[in-house]
PDB file of all heavy atoms in Angstrom:
ATOM      1  N   ASN A   1     -44.772 -77.898 -22.704  1.00  0.00           N
ATOM      2  CA  ASN A   1     -45.821 -76.941 -22.985  1.00  0.00           C
ATOM      3  C   ASN A   1     -45.437 -75.959 -24.114  1.00  0.00           C
ATOM      4  O   ASN A   1     -46.228 -75.555 -24.999  1.00  0.00           O
ATOM      5  CB  ASN A   1     -46.269 -76.238 -21.731  1.00  0.00           C
ATOM      6  CG  ASN A   1     -47.051 -77.132 -20.776  1.00  0.00           C
ATOM      7  OD1 ASN A   1     -47.616 -78.145 -21.206  1.00  0.00           O
ATOM      8  ND2 ASN A   1     -47.026 -76.711 -19.514  1.00  0.00           N
ATOM      9  N   THR A   2     -44.195 -75.440 -24.028  1.00  0.00           N
ATOM     10  CA  THR A   2     -43.683 -74.513 -24.975  1.00  0.00           C
ATOM     11  C   THR A   2     -43.620 -75.062 -26.347  1.00  0.00           C
ATOM     12  O   THR A   2     -44.052 -74.446 -27.373  1.00  0.00           O
ATOM     13  CB  THR A   2     -42.292 -73.981 -24.489  1.00  0.00           C
ATOM     14  OG1 THR A   2     -42.390 -73.357 -23.233  1.00  0.00           O
ATOM     15  CG2 THR A   2     -41.725 -72.982 -25.558  1.00  0.00           C
ATOM     16  N   VAL A   3     -43.148 -76.338 -26.447  1.00  0.00           N
ATOM     17  CA  VAL A   3     -43.095 -77.056 -27.779  1.00  0.00           C
ATOM     18  C   VAL A   3     -44.559 -77.144 -28.346  1.00  0.00           C
ATOM     19  O   VAL A   3     -44.694 -76.954 -29.471  1.00  0.00           O
ATOM     20  CB  VAL A   3     -42.436 -78.418 -27.628  1.00  0.00           C
ATOM     21  CG1 VAL A   3     -42.581 -79.209 -28.888  1.00  0.00           C
ATOM     22  CG2 VAL A   3     -40.883 -78.222 -27.260  1.00  0.00           C
ATOM     23  N   GLN A   4     -45.480 -77.580 -27.466  1.00  0.00           N
ATOM     24  CA  GLN A   4     -46.865 -77.692 -27.928  1.00  0.00           C
ATOM     25  C   GLN A   4     -47.337 -76.372 -28.450  1.00  0.00           C
ATOM     26  O   GLN A   4     -47.923 -76.258 -29.593  1.00  0.00           O
ATOM     27  CB  GLN A   4     -47.692 -78.208 -26.733  1.00  0.00           C
ATOM     28  CG  GLN A   4     -47.491 -79.609 -26.304  1.00  0.00           C
ATOM     29  CD  GLN A   4     -48.279 -80.016 -25.066  1.00  0.00           C
ATOM     30  OE1 GLN A   4     -48.991 -79.182 -24.559  1.00  0.00           O
ATOM     31  NE2 GLN A   4     -48.104 -81.210 -24.744  1.00  0.00           N
ATOM     32  N   GLU A   5     -47.169 -75.293 -27.702  1.00  0.00           N
ATOM     33  CA  GLU A   5     -47.668 -74.001 -28.101  1.00  0.00           C
ATOM     34  C   GLU A   5     -47.007 -73.564 -29.388  1.00  0.00           C
ATOM     35  O   GLU A   5     -47.679 -73.011 -30.286  1.00  0.00           O
ATOM     36  CB  GLU A   5     -47.446 -72.988 -27.028  1.00  0.00           C
ATOM     37  CG  GLU A   5     -48.238 -73.156 -25.798  1.00  0.00           C
ATOM     38  CD  GLU A   5     -48.052 -72.101 -24.694  1.00  0.00           C
ATOM     39  OE1 GLU A   5     -47.895 -70.987 -25.103  1.00  0.00           O
ATOM     40  OE2 GLU A   5     -47.882 -72.449 -23.539  1.00  0.00           O
ATOM     41  N   VAL A   6     -45.715 -73.746 -29.553  1.00  0.00           N
ATOM     42  CA  VAL A   6     -45.013 -73.308 -30.740  1.00  0.00           C
ATOM     43  C   VAL A   6     -45.498 -74.204 -31.971  1.00  0.00           C
ATOM     44  O   VAL A   6     -45.741 -73.631 -32.961  1.00  0.00           O
ATOM     45  CB  VAL A   6     -43.462 -73.540 -30.569  1.00  0.00           C
ATOM     46  CG1 VAL A   6     -42.784 -73.365 -31.925  1.00  0.00           C
ATOM     47  CG2 VAL A   6     -42.968 -72.505 -29.615  1.00  0.00           C
ATOM     48  N   THR A   7     -45.753 -75.456 -31.716  1.00  0.00           N
ATOM     49  CA  THR A   7     -46.179 -76.313 -32.761  1.00  0.00           C
ATOM     50  C   THR A   7     -47.594 -75.838 -33.241  1.00  0.00           C
ATOM     51  O   THR A   7     -47.886 -75.740 -34.445  1.00  0.00           O
ATOM     52  CB  THR A   7     -46.320 -77.756 -32.293  1.00  0.00           C
ATOM     53  OG1 THR A   7     -44.964 -78.190 -31.914  1.00  0.00           O
ATOM     54  CG2 THR A   7     -46.855 -78.676 -33.354  1.00  0.00           C
ATOM     55  N   ILE A   8     -48.468 -75.595 -32.290  1.00  0.00           N
ATOM     56  CA  ILE A   8     -49.801 -75.133 -32.633  1.00  0.00           C
ATOM     57  C   ILE A   8     -49.753 -73.816 -33.362  1.00  0.00           C
ATOM     58  O   ILE A   8     -50.488 -73.628 -34.336  1.00  0.00           O
ATOM     59  CB  ILE A   8     -50.660 -75.068 -31.335  1.00  0.00           C
ATOM     60  CG1 ILE A   8     -51.014 -76.526 -30.781  1.00  0.00           C
ATOM     61  CG2 ILE A   8     -51.908 -74.280 -31.602  1.00  0.00           C
ATOM     62  CD1 ILE A   8     -51.716 -76.521 -29.517  1.00  0.00           C
ATOM     63  N   GLN A   9     -48.962 -72.906 -32.809  1.00  0.00           N
ATOM     64  CA  GLN A   9     -48.917 -71.594 -33.476  1.00  0.00           C
ATOM     65  C   GLN A   9     -48.355 -71.634 -34.844  1.00  0.00           C
ATOM     66  O   GLN A   9     -48.833 -70.982 -35.779  1.00  0.00           O
ATOM     67  CB  GLN A   9     -48.037 -70.632 -32.581  1.00  0.00           C
ATOM     68  CG  GLN A   9     -48.153 -69.228 -32.907  1.00  0.00           C
ATOM     69  CD  GLN A   9     -49.626 -68.712 -32.743  1.00  0.00           C
ATOM     70  OE1 GLN A   9     -50.303 -68.977 -31.749  1.00  0.00           O
ATOM     71  NE2 GLN A   9     -50.103 -67.868 -33.654  1.00  0.00           N
ATOM     72  N   ALA A  10     -47.321 -72.551 -35.044  1.00  0.00           N
ATOM     73  CA  ALA A  10     -46.723 -72.710 -36.299  1.00  0.00           C
ATOM     74  C   ALA A  10     -47.759 -73.217 -37.331  1.00  0.00           C
ATOM     75  O   ALA A  10     -47.876 -72.759 -38.494  1.00  0.00           O
ATOM     76  CB  ALA A  10     -45.550 -73.560 -36.288  1.00  0.00           C
ATOM     77  N   LEU A  11     -48.487 -74.270 -36.942  1.00  0.00           N
ATOM     78  CA  LEU A  11     -49.478 -74.853 -37.856  1.00  0.00           C
ATOM     79  C   LEU A  11     -50.576 -73.819 -38.133  1.00  0.00           C
ATOM     80  O   LEU A  11     -51.052 -73.762 -39.332  1.00  0.00           O
ATOM     81  CB  LEU A  11     -50.074 -76.077 -37.127  1.00  0.00           C
ATOM     82  CG  LEU A  11     -49.197 -77.326 -37.006  1.00  0.00           C
ATOM     83  CD1 LEU A  11     -49.828 -78.346 -36.124  1.00  0.00           C
ATOM     84  CD2 LEU A  11     -48.801 -77.865 -38.376  1.00  0.00           C
ATOM     85  N   ALA A  12     -51.067 -73.147 -37.094  1.00  0.00           N
ATOM     86  CA  ALA A  12     -52.108 -72.133 -37.335  1.00  0.00           C
ATOM     87  C   ALA A  12     -51.646 -71.014 -38.273  1.00  0.00           C
ATOM     88  O   ALA A  12     -52.394 -70.562 -39.191  1.00  0.00           O
ATOM     89  CB  ALA A  12     -52.592 -71.604 -35.972  1.00  0.00           C
ATOM     90  N   SER A  13     -50.465 -70.572 -38.083  1.00  0.00           N
ATOM     91  CA  SER A  13     -49.779 -69.561 -38.900  1.00  0.00           C
ATOM     92  C   SER A  13     -49.690 -69.985 -40.366  1.00  0.00           C
ATOM     93  O   SER A  13     -49.934 -69.215 -41.207  1.00  0.00           O
ATOM     94  CB  SER A  13     -48.471 -69.075 -38.324  1.00  0.00           C
ATOM     95  OG  SER A  13     -48.647 -68.541 -37.067  1.00  0.00           O
ATOM     96  N   LEU A  14     -49.351 -71.266 -40.520  1.00  0.00           N
ATOM     97  CA  LEU A  14     -49.222 -71.831 -41.825  1.00  0.00           C
ATOM     98  C   LEU A  14     -50.525 -71.799 -42.552  1.00  0.00           C
ATOM     99  O   LEU A  14     -50.634 -71.392 -43.758  1.00  0.00           O
ATOM    100  CB  LEU A  14     -48.709 -73.293 -41.787  1.00  0.00           C
ATOM    101  CG  LEU A  14     -48.566 -74.006 -43.084  1.00  0.00           C
ATOM    102  CD1 LEU A  14     -47.558 -73.337 -43.993  1.00  0.00           C
ATOM    103  CD2 LEU A  14     -48.222 -75.505 -42.816  1.00  0.00           C
ATOM    104  N   ALA A  15     -51.555 -72.193 -41.851  1.00  0.00           N
ATOM    105  CA  ALA A  15     -52.968 -72.101 -42.484  1.00  0.00           C
ATOM    106  C   ALA A  15     -53.325 -70.662 -42.840  1.00  0.00           C
ATOM    107  O   ALA A  15     -53.897 -70.339 -43.827  1.00  0.00           O
ATOM    108  CB  ALA A  15     -53.969 -72.713 -41.514  1.00  0.00           C
ATOM    109  N   GLU A  16     -52.962 -69.731 -41.868  1.00  0.00           N
ATOM    110  CA  GLU A  16     -53.302 -68.331 -42.089  1.00  0.00           C
ATOM    111  C   GLU A  16     -52.691 -67.716 -43.289  1.00  0.00           C
ATOM    112  O   GLU A  16     -53.232 -66.860 -43.918  1.00  0.00           O
ATOM    113  CB  GLU A  16     -52.914 -67.570 -40.859  1.00  0.00           C
ATOM    114  CG  GLU A  16     -53.207 -66.039 -40.824  1.00  0.00           C
ATOM    115  CD  GLU A  16     -51.953 -65.296 -41.349  1.00  0.00           C
ATOM    116  OE1 GLU A  16     -50.865 -65.677 -40.764  1.00  0.00           O
ATOM    117  OE2 GLU A  16     -52.071 -64.389 -42.089  1.00  0.00           O
ATOM    118  N   THR A  17     -51.451 -68.258 -43.670  1.00  0.00           N
ATOM    119  CA  THR A  17     -50.781 -67.563 -44.823  1.00  0.00           C
ATOM    120  C   THR A  17     -51.559 -67.831 -46.138  1.00  0.00           C
ATOM    121  O   THR A  17     -51.365 -67.108 -47.112  1.00  0.00           O
ATOM    122  CB  THR A  17     -49.349 -68.186 -45.057  1.00  0.00           C
ATOM    123  OG1 THR A  17     -49.481 -69.629 -45.250  1.00  0.00           O
ATOM    124  CG2 THR A  17     -48.548 -67.970 -43.812  1.00  0.00           C
ATOM    125  N   ARG A  18     -52.456 -68.802 -46.162  1.00  0.00           N
ATOM    126  CA  ARG A  18     -53.236 -69.090 -47.409  1.00  0.00           C
ATOM    127  C   ARG A  18     -54.662 -68.674 -47.260  1.00  0.00           C
ATOM    128  O   ARG A  18     -55.552 -68.965 -48.110  1.00  0.00           O
ATOM    129  CB  ARG A  18     -53.140 -70.589 -47.723  1.00  0.00           C
ATOM    130  CG  ARG A  18     -51.724 -71.041 -48.030  1.00  0.00           C
ATOM    131  CD  ARG A  18     -51.700 -72.434 -48.646  1.00  0.00           C
ATOM    132  NE  ARG A  18     -52.495 -72.535 -49.874  1.00  0.00           N
ATOM    133  CZ  ARG A  18     -53.691 -73.014 -49.961  1.00  0.00           C
ATOM    134  NH1 ARG A  18     -54.265 -73.573 -48.996  1.00  0.00           N
ATOM    135  NH2 ARG A  18     -54.326 -73.065 -51.109  1.00  0.00           N
ATOM    136  N   ASP A  19     -55.015 -68.004 -46.122  1.00  0.00           N
ATOM    137  CA  ASP A  19     -56.448 -67.665 -45.938  1.00  0.00           C
ATOM    138  C   ASP A  19     -56.625 -66.189 -46.091  1.00  0.00           C
ATOM    139  O   ASP A  19     -55.720 -65.390 -46.134  1.00  0.00           O
ATOM    140  CB  ASP A  19     -56.801 -67.990 -44.514  1.00  0.00           C
ATOM    141  CG  ASP A  19     -58.264 -68.126 -44.306  1.00  0.00           C
ATOM    142  OD1 ASP A  19     -59.037 -67.898 -45.240  1.00  0.00           O
ATOM    143  OD2 ASP A  19     -58.743 -68.536 -43.172  1.00  0.00           O
ATOM    144  N   LEU A  20     -57.905 -65.722 -46.188  1.00  0.00           N
ATOM    145  CA  LEU A  20     -58.267 -64.382 -46.280  1.00  0.00           C
ATOM    146  C   LEU A  20     -58.121 -63.611 -45.001  1.00  0.00           C
ATOM    147  O   LEU A  20     -58.078 -62.356 -44.924  1.00  0.00           O
ATOM    148  CB  LEU A  20     -59.666 -64.203 -46.932  1.00  0.00           C
ATOM    149  CG  LEU A  20     -59.861 -64.675 -48.328  1.00  0.00           C
ATOM    150  CD1 LEU A  20     -61.319 -64.675 -48.626  1.00  0.00           C
ATOM    151  CD2 LEU A  20     -59.092 -63.807 -49.279  1.00  0.00           C
ATOM    152  N   ASP A  21     -58.051 -64.383 -43.837  1.00  0.00           N
ATOM    153  CA  ASP A  21     -57.929 -63.734 -42.619  1.00  0.00           C
ATOM    154  C   ASP A  21     -56.457 -63.387 -42.287  1.00  0.00           C
ATOM    155  O   ASP A  21     -55.544 -63.988 -42.731  1.00  0.00           O
ATOM    156  CB  ASP A  21     -58.458 -64.629 -41.454  1.00  0.00           C
ATOM    157  CG  ASP A  21     -59.913 -64.915 -41.513  1.00  0.00           C
ATOM    158  OD1 ASP A  21     -60.658 -63.892 -41.636  1.00  0.00           O
ATOM    159  OD2 ASP A  21     -60.321 -66.082 -41.493  1.00  0.00           O
ATOM    160  N   THR A  22     -56.319 -62.378 -41.446  1.00  0.00           N
ATOM    161  CA  THR A  22     -54.930 -62.043 -40.938  1.00  0.00           C
ATOM    162  C   THR A  22     -54.731 -62.912 -39.712  1.00  0.00           C
ATOM    163  O   THR A  22     -55.654 -63.598 -39.157  1.00  0.00           O
ATOM    164  CB  THR A  22     -54.868 -60.585 -40.484  1.00  0.00           C
ATOM    165  OG1 THR A  22     -55.622 -60.356 -39.337  1.00  0.00           O
ATOM    166  CG2 THR A  22     -55.362 -59.663 -41.569  1.00  0.00           C
ATOM    167  N   GLY A  23     -53.481 -62.903 -39.192  1.00  0.00           N
ATOM    168  CA  GLY A  23     -53.132 -63.686 -37.952  1.00  0.00           C
ATOM    169  C   GLY A  23     -53.919 -63.293 -36.736  1.00  0.00           C
ATOM    170  O   GLY A  23     -54.000 -64.039 -35.779  1.00  0.00           O
ATOM    171  N   ASN A  24     -54.518 -62.043 -36.797  1.00  0.00           N
ATOM    172  CA  ASN A  24     -55.275 -61.597 -35.602  1.00  0.00           C
ATOM    173  C   ASN A  24     -56.595 -62.366 -35.421  1.00  0.00           C
ATOM    174  O   ASN A  24     -57.107 -62.469 -34.300  1.00  0.00           O
ATOM    175  CB  ASN A  24     -55.547 -60.135 -35.832  1.00  0.00           C
ATOM    176  CG  ASN A  24     -54.359 -59.230 -35.543  1.00  0.00           C
ATOM    177  OD1 ASN A  24     -53.552 -59.537 -34.606  1.00  0.00           O
ATOM    178  ND2 ASN A  24     -54.184 -58.205 -36.380  1.00  0.00           N
ATOM    179  N   HIS A  25     -57.032 -62.974 -36.511  1.00  0.00           N
ATOM    180  CA  HIS A  25     -58.303 -63.824 -36.356  1.00  0.00           C
ATOM    181  C   HIS A  25     -58.044 -64.957 -35.280  1.00  0.00           C
ATOM    182  O   HIS A  25     -58.895 -65.185 -34.493  1.00  0.00           O
ATOM    183  CB  HIS A  25     -58.693 -64.320 -37.698  1.00  0.00           C
ATOM    184  CG  HIS A  25     -59.738 -65.401 -37.597  1.00  0.00           C
ATOM    185  ND1 HIS A  25     -61.088 -65.184 -37.215  1.00  0.00           N
ATOM    186  CD2 HIS A  25     -59.729 -66.788 -37.818  1.00  0.00           C
ATOM    187  CE1 HIS A  25     -61.725 -66.233 -37.309  1.00  0.00           C
ATOM    188  NE2 HIS A  25     -61.016 -67.302 -37.624  1.00  0.00           N
TER     189      HIS A  25
END
């Protein structure tokens, strides 16, 4: 579960770095 969560968070954060939204979105 931890690996899954870390993977999801990493992928989402990667997308966020190129978006107009902050990570709080």
